[in-house]
N, C-alpha and C. Protein backbone atom coordinates (compact mmCIF):
# COMPACT_ATOMS: atom_id res chain seq x y z
N UNK A 1 -168.21 150.42 -43.52
CA UNK A 1 -167.71 149.11 -43.17
C UNK A 1 -168.85 148.18 -42.76
N UNK A 2 -169.83 148.71 -42.01
CA UNK A 2 -170.92 147.85 -41.56
C UNK A 2 -171.77 147.39 -42.75
N UNK A 3 -171.92 148.26 -43.76
CA UNK A 3 -172.69 147.87 -44.95
C UNK A 3 -172.00 146.72 -45.67
N UNK A 4 -170.69 146.76 -45.75
CA UNK A 4 -169.93 145.70 -46.40
C UNK A 4 -170.09 144.38 -45.65
N UNK A 5 -170.03 144.41 -44.33
CA UNK A 5 -170.20 143.20 -43.54
C UNK A 5 -171.59 142.61 -43.69
N UNK A 6 -172.60 143.47 -43.78
CA UNK A 6 -173.97 143.00 -43.98
C UNK A 6 -174.10 142.33 -45.35
N UNK A 7 -173.51 142.93 -46.37
CA UNK A 7 -173.56 142.35 -47.73
C UNK A 7 -172.85 141.01 -47.76
N UNK A 8 -171.69 140.92 -47.13
CA UNK A 8 -170.95 139.65 -47.10
C UNK A 8 -171.76 138.59 -46.36
N UNK A 9 -172.37 138.96 -45.26
CA UNK A 9 -173.20 138.02 -44.51
C UNK A 9 -174.39 137.53 -45.32
N UNK A 10 -175.02 138.44 -46.06
CA UNK A 10 -176.15 138.03 -46.90
C UNK A 10 -175.71 137.13 -48.05
N UNK A 11 -174.53 137.38 -48.60
CA UNK A 11 -174.01 136.50 -49.65
C UNK A 11 -173.72 135.11 -49.12
N UNK A 12 -173.14 135.03 -47.93
CA UNK A 12 -172.87 133.72 -47.33
C UNK A 12 -174.17 132.99 -47.04
N UNK A 13 -175.17 133.71 -46.56
CA UNK A 13 -176.48 133.12 -46.31
C UNK A 13 -177.10 132.60 -47.60
N UNK A 14 -177.01 133.39 -48.68
CA UNK A 14 -177.59 132.98 -49.96
C UNK A 14 -176.90 131.73 -50.51
N UNK A 15 -175.58 131.68 -50.40
CA UNK A 15 -174.86 130.49 -50.87
C UNK A 15 -175.26 129.27 -50.06
N UNK A 16 -175.41 129.44 -48.76
CA UNK A 16 -175.84 128.32 -47.91
C UNK A 16 -177.23 127.83 -48.25
N UNK A 17 -178.13 128.75 -48.55
CA UNK A 17 -179.50 128.36 -48.89
C UNK A 17 -179.61 127.71 -50.27
N UNK A 18 -178.81 128.19 -51.20
CA UNK A 18 -178.89 127.69 -52.57
C UNK A 18 -177.89 126.58 -52.86
N UNK A 19 -177.14 126.11 -51.86
CA UNK A 19 -176.11 125.09 -52.09
C UNK A 19 -176.64 123.82 -52.74
N UNK A 20 -177.83 123.29 -52.34
CA UNK A 20 -178.32 122.08 -53.02
C UNK A 20 -178.50 122.28 -54.52
N UNK A 21 -178.94 123.44 -54.93
CA UNK A 21 -179.12 123.71 -56.36
C UNK A 21 -177.78 123.99 -57.04
N UNK A 22 -176.87 124.63 -56.32
CA UNK A 22 -175.55 124.90 -56.90
C UNK A 22 -174.76 123.62 -57.10
N UNK A 23 -174.94 122.64 -56.22
CA UNK A 23 -174.21 121.39 -56.39
C UNK A 23 -174.74 120.58 -57.57
N UNK A 24 -175.99 120.80 -57.96
CA UNK A 24 -176.54 120.10 -59.13
C UNK A 24 -175.88 120.56 -60.43
N UNK A 25 -175.43 121.82 -60.48
CA UNK A 25 -174.78 122.31 -61.70
C UNK A 25 -173.29 122.03 -61.69
N UNK A 26 -172.79 121.37 -60.65
CA UNK A 26 -171.39 120.96 -60.63
C UNK A 26 -170.51 121.76 -59.71
N UNK A 27 -171.04 122.80 -59.09
CA UNK A 27 -170.23 123.59 -58.18
C UNK A 27 -169.92 122.75 -56.94
N UNK A 28 -168.67 122.56 -56.65
CA UNK A 28 -168.25 121.71 -55.53
C UNK A 28 -167.64 120.42 -56.01
N UNK A 29 -167.77 120.11 -57.26
CA UNK A 29 -167.17 118.89 -57.84
C UNK A 29 -166.45 119.23 -59.15
N UNK A 30 -165.74 120.34 -59.15
CA UNK A 30 -165.05 120.79 -60.34
C UNK A 30 -163.70 120.09 -60.48
N UNK A 31 -163.16 120.02 -61.70
CA UNK A 31 -161.81 119.48 -61.85
C UNK A 31 -160.82 120.36 -61.07
N UNK A 32 -159.98 119.76 -60.30
CA UNK A 32 -159.07 120.51 -59.45
C UNK A 32 -159.45 120.45 -58.00
N UNK A 33 -160.68 120.06 -57.70
CA UNK A 33 -161.10 119.83 -56.32
C UNK A 33 -160.59 118.45 -55.91
N UNK A 34 -159.95 118.37 -54.77
CA UNK A 34 -159.32 117.13 -54.32
C UNK A 34 -160.25 116.41 -53.35
N UNK A 35 -160.49 115.12 -53.59
CA UNK A 35 -161.32 114.33 -52.70
C UNK A 35 -160.64 112.99 -52.46
N UNK A 36 -160.37 112.69 -51.20
CA UNK A 36 -159.72 111.44 -50.82
C UNK A 36 -160.67 110.68 -49.91
N UNK A 37 -161.03 109.46 -50.31
CA UNK A 37 -161.91 108.62 -49.50
C UNK A 37 -161.17 107.34 -49.13
N UNK A 38 -161.08 107.08 -47.83
CA UNK A 38 -160.45 105.85 -47.35
C UNK A 38 -161.24 105.34 -46.16
N UNK A 39 -161.90 104.24 -46.33
CA UNK A 39 -162.69 103.66 -45.24
C UNK A 39 -163.79 104.60 -44.79
N UNK A 40 -163.74 104.98 -43.53
CA UNK A 40 -164.75 105.89 -43.02
C UNK A 40 -164.22 107.32 -42.92
N UNK A 41 -163.17 107.64 -43.66
CA UNK A 41 -162.55 108.96 -43.65
C UNK A 41 -162.65 109.59 -45.03
N UNK A 42 -163.12 110.83 -45.10
CA UNK A 42 -163.20 111.56 -46.36
C UNK A 42 -162.56 112.92 -46.18
N UNK A 43 -161.64 113.26 -47.07
CA UNK A 43 -161.00 114.57 -47.07
C UNK A 43 -161.36 115.26 -48.38
N UNK A 44 -161.94 116.44 -48.28
CA UNK A 44 -162.37 117.19 -49.46
C UNK A 44 -161.73 118.57 -49.41
N UNK A 45 -160.97 118.92 -50.44
CA UNK A 45 -160.31 120.22 -50.53
C UNK A 45 -160.77 120.89 -51.83
N UNK A 46 -161.69 121.84 -51.74
CA UNK A 46 -162.27 122.46 -52.94
C UNK A 46 -161.41 123.61 -53.48
N UNK A 47 -160.28 123.30 -54.09
CA UNK A 47 -159.36 124.33 -54.57
C UNK A 47 -159.99 125.13 -55.71
N UNK A 48 -160.46 124.47 -56.75
CA UNK A 48 -161.03 125.15 -57.91
C UNK A 48 -162.32 125.89 -57.55
N UNK A 49 -163.16 125.27 -56.76
CA UNK A 49 -164.41 125.92 -56.34
C UNK A 49 -164.10 127.17 -55.53
N UNK A 50 -163.11 127.11 -54.65
CA UNK A 50 -162.73 128.27 -53.87
C UNK A 50 -162.19 129.40 -54.73
N UNK A 51 -161.38 129.05 -55.72
CA UNK A 51 -160.86 130.08 -56.63
C UNK A 51 -161.98 130.72 -57.45
N UNK A 52 -162.91 129.91 -57.93
CA UNK A 52 -164.03 130.43 -58.71
C UNK A 52 -164.90 131.36 -57.87
N UNK A 53 -165.24 130.95 -56.66
CA UNK A 53 -166.04 131.80 -55.78
C UNK A 53 -165.30 133.08 -55.41
N UNK A 54 -163.99 133.00 -55.23
CA UNK A 54 -163.20 134.17 -54.93
C UNK A 54 -163.24 135.18 -56.07
N UNK A 55 -163.11 134.72 -57.29
CA UNK A 55 -163.17 135.61 -58.45
C UNK A 55 -164.55 136.25 -58.57
N UNK A 56 -165.60 135.45 -58.41
CA UNK A 56 -166.97 135.98 -58.52
C UNK A 56 -167.23 137.02 -57.44
N UNK A 57 -166.86 136.73 -56.20
CA UNK A 57 -167.06 137.69 -55.12
C UNK A 57 -166.22 138.95 -55.31
N UNK A 58 -165.01 138.80 -55.83
CA UNK A 58 -164.17 139.97 -56.10
C UNK A 58 -164.80 140.87 -57.15
N UNK A 59 -165.35 140.30 -58.19
CA UNK A 59 -166.01 141.08 -59.23
C UNK A 59 -167.24 141.78 -58.67
N UNK A 60 -168.04 141.06 -57.87
CA UNK A 60 -169.25 141.65 -57.28
C UNK A 60 -168.88 142.81 -56.37
N UNK A 61 -167.90 142.61 -55.49
CA UNK A 61 -167.49 143.70 -54.60
C UNK A 61 -166.88 144.86 -55.36
N UNK A 62 -166.16 144.60 -56.42
CA UNK A 62 -165.60 145.66 -57.25
C UNK A 62 -166.73 146.48 -57.88
N UNK A 63 -167.77 145.80 -58.37
CA UNK A 63 -168.90 146.51 -58.97
C UNK A 63 -169.68 147.32 -57.93
N UNK A 64 -169.81 146.80 -56.72
CA UNK A 64 -170.52 147.51 -55.66
C UNK A 64 -169.78 148.77 -55.25
N UNK A 65 -168.46 148.70 -55.22
CA UNK A 65 -167.65 149.84 -54.78
C UNK A 65 -167.44 150.88 -55.87
N UNK A 66 -167.83 150.64 -57.09
CA UNK A 66 -167.64 151.60 -58.18
C UNK A 66 -168.59 152.73 -58.08
């Protein structure tokens, strides 16, 4: 269990470090992500990005556990 938590923590750290480069390829602004801007208020709901990251992480964890 501790190994899994360390791997998840490292993945979160890597995504945080590489986020500027990931946003250049369109991750975070995919079709299906909802963005509402009104005055000085912005609401961003990354539905498609969340689903994509969930699938990728599920595949990675499935491969690690095999």
